[in-house]
Amino acid sequence: MSDVESFLAGEGLGSKAFYRLARIIINFLCRVFWRVRVTGRENIPLTGAFVLAPVHRSNIDTMLACTVTPRRMRYMGKDSLWKNSFTGWLFSALGGFPVTRGTADREALRRCVYVLQSGQPLVMFPEGERKSGAVVEKLFDGAVYVAMKADVPIIPVGIGGSEAAMPKGAKMVRPARCAMVIGKPIIVDSGDGSRAARSSVKAMSEELQLSLQDLLDVAQKSVEPRRVKRSTK
């Protein structure tokens, strides 16, 4: 599937209407089941493309990410999900676009850049796979790289509580209070727009890591049980 085909998949009115319906259901689930609280929503651009870069501690993080804006978010998915016409339409309608596993990472990154240059927001988890614990370790450079290539801002997001709601290896979700803290946009230095210097990508990734750590700390603290101070009288 070409970049144009993968981008256009699911761009019909029916697909967009389905996404709006799915988002309403997900929003309801997040509010009722996980009591999700979002702060910093004003940091999400109302127009134009951007990279939403959340921490990643649970499979529910993808659902949580779509609640930060009514705009349709885009996600990468393995191309095997598109082999069936119905599931392909379903994942495209939900904002997914296919990438081929086992090929060079540059293909996936190229498609990410294409989506951003088309004006749509993209979700990328800069930690790569799901992690565990309260420490944000060294990030992959992909999120910063595509943001630089497309000349769009990065929006860091800390998510607290999602690991308790569905830890790595769990097959069922649990009711647990979750919080999302959206940080201020990180404006990348895109240079001439055609090349992203490795040193610049590394420096920006380190800045993103520090921002994510601060946001994760705040988000996690907000979902911790509050201790009631006992009177000494």
C-alpha atoms as a PDB file:
ATOM      1  CA  MET A   1       0.000   0.000   0.000  1.00  0.00           C
ATOM      2  CA  SER A   2       1.425   3.389  -1.007  1.00  0.00           C
ATOM      3  CA  ASP A   3       1.654   6.418   1.275  1.00  0.00           C
ATOM      4  CA  VAL A   4      -1.252   8.044  -0.551  1.00  0.00           C
ATOM      5  CA  GLU A   5      -3.393   4.903  -0.294  1.00  0.00           C
ATOM      6  CA  SER A   6      -2.618   4.433   3.412  1.00  0.00           C
ATOM      7  CA  PHE A   7      -3.428   8.069   4.108  1.00  0.00           C
ATOM      8  CA  LEU A   8      -6.657   8.101   2.121  1.00  0.00           C
ATOM      9  CA  ALA A   9      -7.901   4.841   3.662  1.00  0.00           C
ATOM     10  CA  GLY A  10     -10.751   5.645   5.986  1.00  0.00           C
ATOM     11  CA  GLU A  11     -11.019   9.284   4.886  1.00  0.00           C
ATOM     12  CA  GLY A  12     -14.661   8.983   3.811  1.00  0.00           C
ATOM     13  CA  LEU A  13     -17.562  10.609   5.638  1.00  0.00           C
ATOM     14  CA  GLY A  14     -18.718   7.252   7.009  1.00  0.00           C
ATOM     15  CA  SER A  15     -15.296   6.565   8.539  1.00  0.00           C
ATOM     16  CA  LYS A  16     -15.100  10.007  10.109  1.00  0.00           C
ATOM     17  CA  ALA A  17     -18.615   9.661  11.545  1.00  0.00           C
ATOM     18  CA  PHE A  18     -17.651   6.265  12.973  1.00  0.00           C
ATOM     19  CA  TYR A  19     -14.592   7.796  14.645  1.00  0.00           C
ATOM     20  CA  ARG A  20     -16.742  10.474  16.294  1.00  0.00           C
ATOM     21  CA  LEU A  21     -19.104   7.786  17.601  1.00  0.00           C
ATOM     22  CA  ALA A  22     -16.224   5.624  18.838  1.00  0.00           C
ATOM     23  CA  ARG A  23     -14.673   8.614  20.595  1.00  0.00           C
ATOM     24  CA  ILE A  24     -17.944   9.359  22.416  1.00  0.00           C
ATOM     25  CA  ILE A  25     -18.033   5.767  23.687  1.00  0.00           C
ATOM     26  CA  ILE A  26     -14.370   5.841  24.693  1.00  0.00           C
ATOM     27  CA  ASN A  27     -14.836   9.174  26.475  1.00  0.00           C
ATOM     28  CA  PHE A  28     -17.755   7.754  28.440  1.00  0.00           C
ATOM     29  CA  LEU A  29     -15.771   4.651  29.368  1.00  0.00           C
ATOM     30  CA  CYS A  30     -12.778   6.732  30.467  1.00  0.00           C
ATOM     31  CA  ARG A  31     -14.874   9.015  32.651  1.00  0.00           C
ATOM     32  CA  VAL A  32     -16.988   6.326  34.273  1.00  0.00           C
ATOM     33  CA  PHE A  33     -14.647   3.343  34.523  1.00  0.00           C
ATOM     34  CA  TRP A  34     -11.280   5.045  34.971  1.00  0.00           C
ATOM     35  CA  ARG A  35     -12.474   8.462  36.197  1.00  0.00           C
ATOM     36  CA  VAL A  36      -9.946  10.095  33.882  1.00  0.00           C
ATOM     37  CA  ARG A  37      -8.972  13.666  34.675  1.00  0.00           C
ATOM     38  CA  VAL A  38      -7.249  15.703  31.968  1.00  0.00           C
ATOM     39  CA  THR A  39      -5.291  18.874  32.707  1.00  0.00           C
ATOM     40  CA  GLY A  40      -3.484  21.100  30.241  1.00  0.00           C
ATOM     41  CA  ARG A  41      -5.926  20.545  27.396  1.00  0.00           C
ATOM     42  CA  GLU A  42      -5.320  24.164  26.335  1.00  0.00           C
ATOM     43  CA  ASN A  43      -1.863  23.048  25.145  1.00  0.00           C
ATOM     44  CA  ILE A  44      -3.389  20.996  22.306  1.00  0.00           C
ATOM     45  CA  PRO A  45      -3.349  22.950  19.010  1.00  0.00           C
ATOM     46  CA  LEU A  46      -6.817  23.532  17.572  1.00  0.00           C
ATOM     47  CA  THR A  47      -5.538  23.386  14.003  1.00  0.00           C
ATOM     48  CA  GLY A  48      -2.547  22.017  12.160  1.00  0.00           C
ATOM     49  CA  ALA A  49      -0.507  18.894  12.664  1.00  0.00           C
ATOM     50  CA  PHE A  50       1.444  17.941  15.771  1.00  0.00           C
ATOM     51  CA  VAL A  51       2.997  14.881  17.382  1.00  0.00           C
ATOM     52  CA  LEU A  52       1.254  13.790  20.583  1.00  0.00           C
ATOM     53  CA  ALA A  53       3.950  12.048  22.638  1.00  0.00           C
ATOM     54  CA  PRO A  54       2.569  10.281  25.725  1.00  0.00           C
ATOM     55  CA  VAL A  55       4.377   8.013  28.148  1.00  0.00           C
ATOM     56  CA  HIS A  56       3.437   4.372  27.654  1.00  0.00           C
ATOM     57  CA  ARG A  57       2.553   2.106  30.582  1.00  0.00           C
ATOM     58  CA  SER A  58      -0.578   0.298  29.382  1.00  0.00           C
ATOM     59  CA  ASN A  59      -2.590  -0.829  26.374  1.00  0.00           C
ATOM     60  CA  ILE A  60      -5.319   1.627  27.371  1.00  0.00           C
ATOM     61  CA  ASP A  61      -2.957   4.558  26.696  1.00  0.00           C
ATOM     62  CA  THR A  62      -4.069   4.577  23.049  1.00  0.00           C
ATOM     63  CA  MET A  63      -7.701   5.036  24.078  1.00  0.00           C
ATOM     64  CA  LEU A  64      -6.748   7.711  26.592  1.00  0.00           C
ATOM     65  CA  ALA A  65      -4.801   9.596  23.917  1.00  0.00           C
ATOM     66  CA  CYS A  66      -7.841   9.984  21.659  1.00  0.00           C
ATOM     67  CA  THR A  67      -9.752  11.808  24.412  1.00  0.00           C
ATOM     68  CA  VAL A  68      -7.503  14.882  24.478  1.00  0.00           C
ATOM     69  CA  THR A  69      -8.997  16.418  21.317  1.00  0.00           C
ATOM     70  CA  PRO A  70     -12.134  15.935  19.182  1.00  0.00           C
ATOM     71  CA  ARG A  71      -9.887  15.887  16.112  1.00  0.00           C
ATOM     72  CA  ARG A  72      -9.116  12.452  14.710  1.00  0.00           C
ATOM     73  CA  MET A  73      -5.741  11.225  15.877  1.00  0.00           C
ATOM     74  CA  ARG A  74      -3.599   9.009  13.642  1.00  0.00           C
ATOM     75  CA  TYR A  75      -1.722   5.887  14.789  1.00  0.00           C
ATOM     76  CA  MET A  76       0.646   3.362  13.261  1.00  0.00           C
ATOM     77  CA  GLY A  77      -0.513  -0.257  12.971  1.00  0.00           C
ATOM     78  CA  LYS A  78       1.001  -3.447  11.551  1.00  0.00           C
ATOM     79  CA  ASP A  79      -0.089  -3.933   7.943  1.00  0.00           C
ATOM     80  CA  SER A  80      -1.546  -7.413   8.604  1.00  0.00           C
ATOM     81  CA  LEU A  81      -4.506  -5.681  10.249  1.00  0.00           C
ATOM     82  CA  TRP A  82      -5.448  -4.332   6.815  1.00  0.00           C
ATOM     83  CA  LYS A  83      -5.490  -7.711   5.025  1.00  0.00           C
ATOM     84  CA  ASN A  84      -9.190  -8.083   5.753  1.00  0.00           C
ATOM     85  CA  SER A  85     -11.279  -5.358   4.105  1.00  0.00           C
ATOM     86  CA  PHE A  86     -13.567  -4.849   7.125  1.00  0.00           C
ATOM     87  CA  THR A  87     -10.839  -4.748   9.786  1.00  0.00           C
ATOM     88  CA  GLY A  88      -8.807  -2.542   7.462  1.00  0.00           C
ATOM     89  CA  TRP A  89     -11.686  -0.082   7.222  1.00  0.00           C
ATOM     90  CA  LEU A  90     -12.251  -0.320  10.985  1.00  0.00           C
ATOM     91  CA  PHE A  91      -8.663   0.504  11.929  1.00  0.00           C
ATOM     92  CA  SER A  92      -8.469   3.244   9.309  1.00  0.00           C
ATOM     93  CA  ALA A  93     -11.686   4.772  10.628  1.00  0.00           C
ATOM     94  CA  LEU A  94     -10.165   4.745  14.106  1.00  0.00           C
ATOM     95  CA  GLY A  95      -7.179   6.721  12.819  1.00  0.00           C
ATOM     96  CA  GLY A  96      -4.764   3.918  12.060  1.00  0.00           C
ATOM     97  CA  PHE A  97      -2.521   3.592   9.025  1.00  0.00           C
ATOM     98  CA  PRO A  98      -0.455   0.547   8.075  1.00  0.00           C
ATOM     99  CA  VAL A  99       3.288   0.041   8.293  1.00  0.00           C
ATOM    100  CA  THR A 100       5.133  -3.119   7.339  1.00  0.00           C
ATOM    101  CA  ARG A 101       6.827  -4.972  10.160  1.00  0.00           C
ATOM    102  CA  GLY A 102      10.247  -6.357   9.379  1.00  0.00           C
ATOM    103  CA  THR A 103      11.088  -3.596   6.910  1.00  0.00           C
ATOM    104  CA  ALA A 104      13.400  -0.689   7.547  1.00  0.00           C
ATOM    105  CA  ASP A 105      12.178   1.793  10.127  1.00  0.00           C
ATOM    106  CA  ARG A 106      12.550   4.535   7.520  1.00  0.00           C
ATOM    107  CA  GLU A 107       9.356   3.343   5.788  1.00  0.00           C
ATOM    108  CA  ALA A 108       7.321   3.767   8.968  1.00  0.00           C
ATOM    109  CA  LEU A 109       8.915   7.141   9.661  1.00  0.00           C
ATOM    110  CA  ARG A 110       8.279   8.262   6.077  1.00  0.00           C
ATOM    111  CA  ARG A 111       4.588   7.478   6.412  1.00  0.00           C
ATOM    112  CA  CYS A 112       4.449   9.324   9.734  1.00  0.00           C
ATOM    113  CA  VAL A 113       5.975  12.389   8.088  1.00  0.00           C
ATOM    114  CA  TYR A 114       3.466  12.087   5.241  1.00  0.00           C
ATOM    115  CA  VAL A 115       0.519  12.051   7.664  1.00  0.00           C
ATOM    116  CA  LEU A 116       1.854  15.121   9.497  1.00  0.00           C
ATOM    117  CA  GLN A 117       2.525  16.998   6.275  1.00  0.00           C
ATOM    118  CA  SER A 118      -1.091  16.277   5.339  1.00  0.00           C
ATOM    119  CA  GLY A 119      -2.133  18.350   8.364  1.00  0.00           C
ATOM    120  CA  GLN A 120      -3.288  15.640  10.779  1.00  0.00           C
ATOM    121  CA  PRO A 121      -2.114  15.026  14.370  1.00  0.00           C
ATOM    122  CA  LEU A 122      -0.150  11.855  15.015  1.00  0.00           C
ATOM    123  CA  VAL A 123       0.258   9.825  18.215  1.00  0.00           C
ATOM    124  CA  MET A 124       3.720   8.370  18.787  1.00  0.00           C
ATOM    125  CA  PHE A 125       4.881   6.761  22.017  1.00  0.00           C
ATOM    126  CA  PRO A 126       8.529   7.878  22.242  1.00  0.00           C
ATOM    127  CA  GLU A 127       9.348   5.111  24.737  1.00  0.00           C
ATOM    128  CA  GLY A 128       8.507   2.590  22.013  1.00  0.00           C
ATOM    129  CA  GLU A 129       7.015  -0.454  23.699  1.00  0.00           C
ATOM    130  CA  ARG A 130       5.170  -0.357  26.997  1.00  0.00           C
ATOM    131  CA  LYS A 131       7.361   0.275  30.014  1.00  0.00           C
ATOM    132  CA  SER A 132       6.780  -0.233  33.714  1.00  0.00           C
ATOM    133  CA  GLY A 133       7.432   1.982  36.691  1.00  0.00           C
ATOM    134  CA  ALA A 134       7.816   5.665  37.413  1.00  0.00           C
ATOM    135  CA  VAL A 135      11.020   6.371  35.484  1.00  0.00           C
ATOM    136  CA  VAL A 136      11.083   7.590  31.877  1.00  0.00           C
ATOM    137  CA  GLU A 137      14.198   6.037  30.413  1.00  0.00           C
ATOM    138  CA  LYS A 138      16.069   7.003  27.240  1.00  0.00           C
ATOM    139  CA  LEU A 139      13.640   7.593  24.377  1.00  0.00           C
ATOM    140  CA  PHE A 140      13.644   6.408  20.814  1.00  0.00           C
ATOM    141  CA  ASP A 141      14.342   9.270  18.411  1.00  0.00           C
ATOM    142  CA  GLY A 142      11.409   8.598  16.052  1.00  0.00           C
ATOM    143  CA  ALA A 143       8.936  11.102  17.520  1.00  0.00           C
ATOM    144  CA  VAL A 144      11.443  13.948  17.436  1.00  0.00           C
ATOM    145  CA  TYR A 145      12.723  12.963  14.002  1.00  0.00           C
ATOM    146  CA  VAL A 146       9.314  13.042  12.296  1.00  0.00           C
ATOM    147  CA  ALA A 147       8.377  16.280  14.094  1.00  0.00           C
ATOM    148  CA  MET A 148      11.543  17.899  12.746  1.00  0.00           C
ATOM    149  CA  LYS A 149      11.016  16.553   9.230  1.00  0.00           C
ATOM    150  CA  ALA A 150       7.411  17.789   9.148  1.00  0.00           C
ATOM    151  CA  ASP A 151       8.178  20.996  11.109  1.00  0.00           C
ATOM    152  CA  VAL A 152       5.440  20.453  13.701  1.00  0.00           C
ATOM    153  CA  PRO A 153       5.405  20.794  17.519  1.00  0.00           C
ATOM    154  CA  ILE A 154       5.592  17.910  19.969  1.00  0.00           C
ATOM    155  CA  ILE A 155       2.988  17.738  22.738  1.00  0.00           C
ATOM    156  CA  PRO A 156       4.301  15.702  25.717  1.00  0.00           C
ATOM    157  CA  VAL A 157       1.755  13.886  27.870  1.00  0.00           C
ATOM    158  CA  GLY A 158       2.144  12.238  31.255  1.00  0.00           C
ATOM    159  CA  ILE A 159      -0.328   9.474  32.097  1.00  0.00           C
ATOM    160  CA  GLY A 160      -0.817   8.299  35.656  1.00  0.00           C
ATOM    161  CA  GLY A 161      -2.801   5.258  36.762  1.00  0.00           C
ATOM    162  CA  SER A 162      -3.040   3.424  33.441  1.00  0.00           C
ATOM    163  CA  GLU A 163      -0.516   0.806  34.525  1.00  0.00           C
ATOM    164  CA  ALA A 164      -2.758  -0.059  37.477  1.00  0.00           C
ATOM    165  CA  ALA A 165      -5.780  -0.165  35.161  1.00  0.00           C
ATOM    166  CA  MET A 166      -4.117  -2.640  32.787  1.00  0.00           C
ATOM    167  CA  PRO A 167      -0.526  -3.586  33.553  1.00  0.00           C
ATOM    168  CA  LYS A 168       1.748  -5.221  31.003  1.00  0.00           C
ATOM    169  CA  GLY A 169       0.712  -8.849  30.576  1.00  0.00           C
ATOM    170  CA  ALA A 170      -2.839  -8.347  31.880  1.00  0.00           C
ATOM    171  CA  LYS A 171      -5.709  -9.555  29.697  1.00  0.00           C
ATOM    172  CA  MET A 172      -8.495  -7.628  31.434  1.00  0.00           C
ATOM    173  CA  VAL A 173      -8.849  -4.006  32.434  1.00  0.00           C
ATOM    174  CA  ARG A 174      -9.406  -2.923  36.017  1.00  0.00           C
ATOM    175  CA  PRO A 175     -11.219   0.093  37.467  1.00  0.00           C
ATOM    176  CA  ALA A 176      -8.491   2.517  38.485  1.00  0.00           C
ATOM    177  CA  ARG A 177      -8.351   6.297  38.619  1.00  0.00           C
ATOM    178  CA  CYS A 178      -6.290   7.727  35.737  1.00  0.00           C
ATOM    179  CA  ALA A 179      -4.939  11.193  35.026  1.00  0.00           C
ATOM    180  CA  MET A 180      -3.460  12.846  31.961  1.00  0.00           C
ATOM    181  CA  VAL A 181      -1.251  15.924  32.207  1.00  0.00           C
ATOM    182  CA  ILE A 182      -0.614  17.647  28.879  1.00  0.00           C
ATOM    183  CA  GLY A 183       2.558  19.696  28.730  1.00  0.00           C
ATOM    184  CA  LYS A 184       3.324  22.824  26.759  1.00  0.00           C
ATOM    185  CA  PRO A 185       4.262  22.292  23.092  1.00  0.00           C
ATOM    186  CA  ILE A 186       7.926  21.660  22.384  1.00  0.00           C
ATOM    187  CA  ILE A 187       8.891  23.637  19.296  1.00  0.00           C
ATOM    188  CA  VAL A 188      11.460  21.760  17.256  1.00  0.00           C
ATOM    189  CA  ASP A 189      14.261  23.286  15.221  1.00  0.00           C
ATOM    190  CA  SER A 190      13.552  21.899  11.779  1.00  0.00           C
ATOM    191  CA  GLY A 191      16.577  23.557  10.155  1.00  0.00           C
ATOM    192  CA  ASP A 192      16.186  23.595   6.384  1.00  0.00           C
ATOM    193  CA  GLY A 193      13.275  21.165   6.590  1.00  0.00           C
ATOM    194  CA  SER A 194      15.003  18.495   4.515  1.00  0.00           C
ATOM    195  CA  ARG A 195      17.454  17.029   6.998  1.00  0.00           C
ATOM    196  CA  ALA A 196      17.344  16.431  10.719  1.00  0.00           C
ATOM    197  CA  ALA A 197      20.831  16.561  12.248  1.00  0.00           C
ATOM    198  CA  ARG A 198      21.502  13.621  14.546  1.00  0.00           C
ATOM    199  CA  SER A 199      22.854  15.926  17.264  1.00  0.00           C
ATOM    200  CA  SER A 200      19.706  18.067  17.150  1.00  0.00           C
ATOM    201  CA  VAL A 201      17.446  15.018  17.288  1.00  0.00           C
ATOM    202  CA  LYS A 202      19.375  13.666  20.286  1.00  0.00           C
ATOM    203  CA  ALA A 203      19.257  16.981  22.156  1.00  0.00           C
ATOM    204  CA  MET A 204      15.530  17.392  21.517  1.00  0.00           C
ATOM    205  CA  SER A 205      14.855  13.800  22.590  1.00  0.00           C
ATOM    206  CA  GLU A 206      16.623  14.501  25.878  1.00  0.00           C
ATOM    207  CA  GLU A 207      14.467  17.604  26.375  1.00  0.00           C
ATOM    208  CA  LEU A 208      11.350  15.553  25.652  1.00  0.00           C
ATOM    209  CA  GLN A 209      12.470  12.894  28.138  1.00  0.00           C
ATOM    210  CA  LEU A 210      12.847  15.465  30.919  1.00  0.00           C
ATOM    211  CA  SER A 211       9.444  16.965  30.127  1.00  0.00           C
ATOM    212  CA  LEU A 212       7.770  13.551  30.132  1.00  0.00           C
ATOM    213  CA  GLN A 213       9.349  12.678  33.459  1.00  0.00           C
ATOM    214  CA  ASP A 214       8.000  15.858  35.055  1.00  0.00           C
ATOM    215  CA  LEU A 215       4.536  15.266  33.598  1.00  0.00           C
ATOM    216  CA  LEU A 216       4.492  11.596  34.627  1.00  0.00           C
ATOM    217  CA  ASP A 217       5.439  12.560  38.179  1.00  0.00           C
ATOM    218  CA  VAL A 218       2.572  15.059  38.368  1.00  0.00           C
ATOM    219  CA  ALA A 219       0.064  12.665  36.776  1.00  0.00           C
ATOM    220  CA  GLN A 220       1.048   9.775  39.014  1.00  0.00           C
ATOM    221  CA  LYS A 221       0.919  11.896  42.142  1.00  0.00           C
ATOM    222  CA  SER A 222      -2.601  13.071  41.297  1.00  0.00           C
ATOM    223  CA  VAL A 223      -3.957   9.495  41.293  1.00  0.00           C
ATOM    224  CA  GLU A 224      -2.260   8.373  44.496  1.00  0.00           C
ATOM    225  CA  PRO A 225      -4.571   7.915  47.486  1.00  0.00           C
ATOM    226  CA  ARG A 226      -4.687  11.030  49.619  1.00  0.00           C
ATOM    227  CA  ARG A 227      -3.564  10.539  53.167  1.00  0.00           C
ATOM    228  CA  VAL A 228      -5.833  11.993  55.798  1.00  0.00           C
ATOM    229  CA  LYS A 229      -3.879  13.892  58.430  1.00  0.00           C
ATOM    230  CA  ARG A 230      -4.851  12.897  61.933  1.00  0.00           C
ATOM    231  CA  SER A 231      -5.417  15.599  64.482  1.00  0.00           C
ATOM    232  CA  THR A 232      -2.896  15.716  67.324  1.00  0.00           C
ATOM    233  CA  LYS A 233      -5.432  17.265  69.658  1.00  0.00           C
END
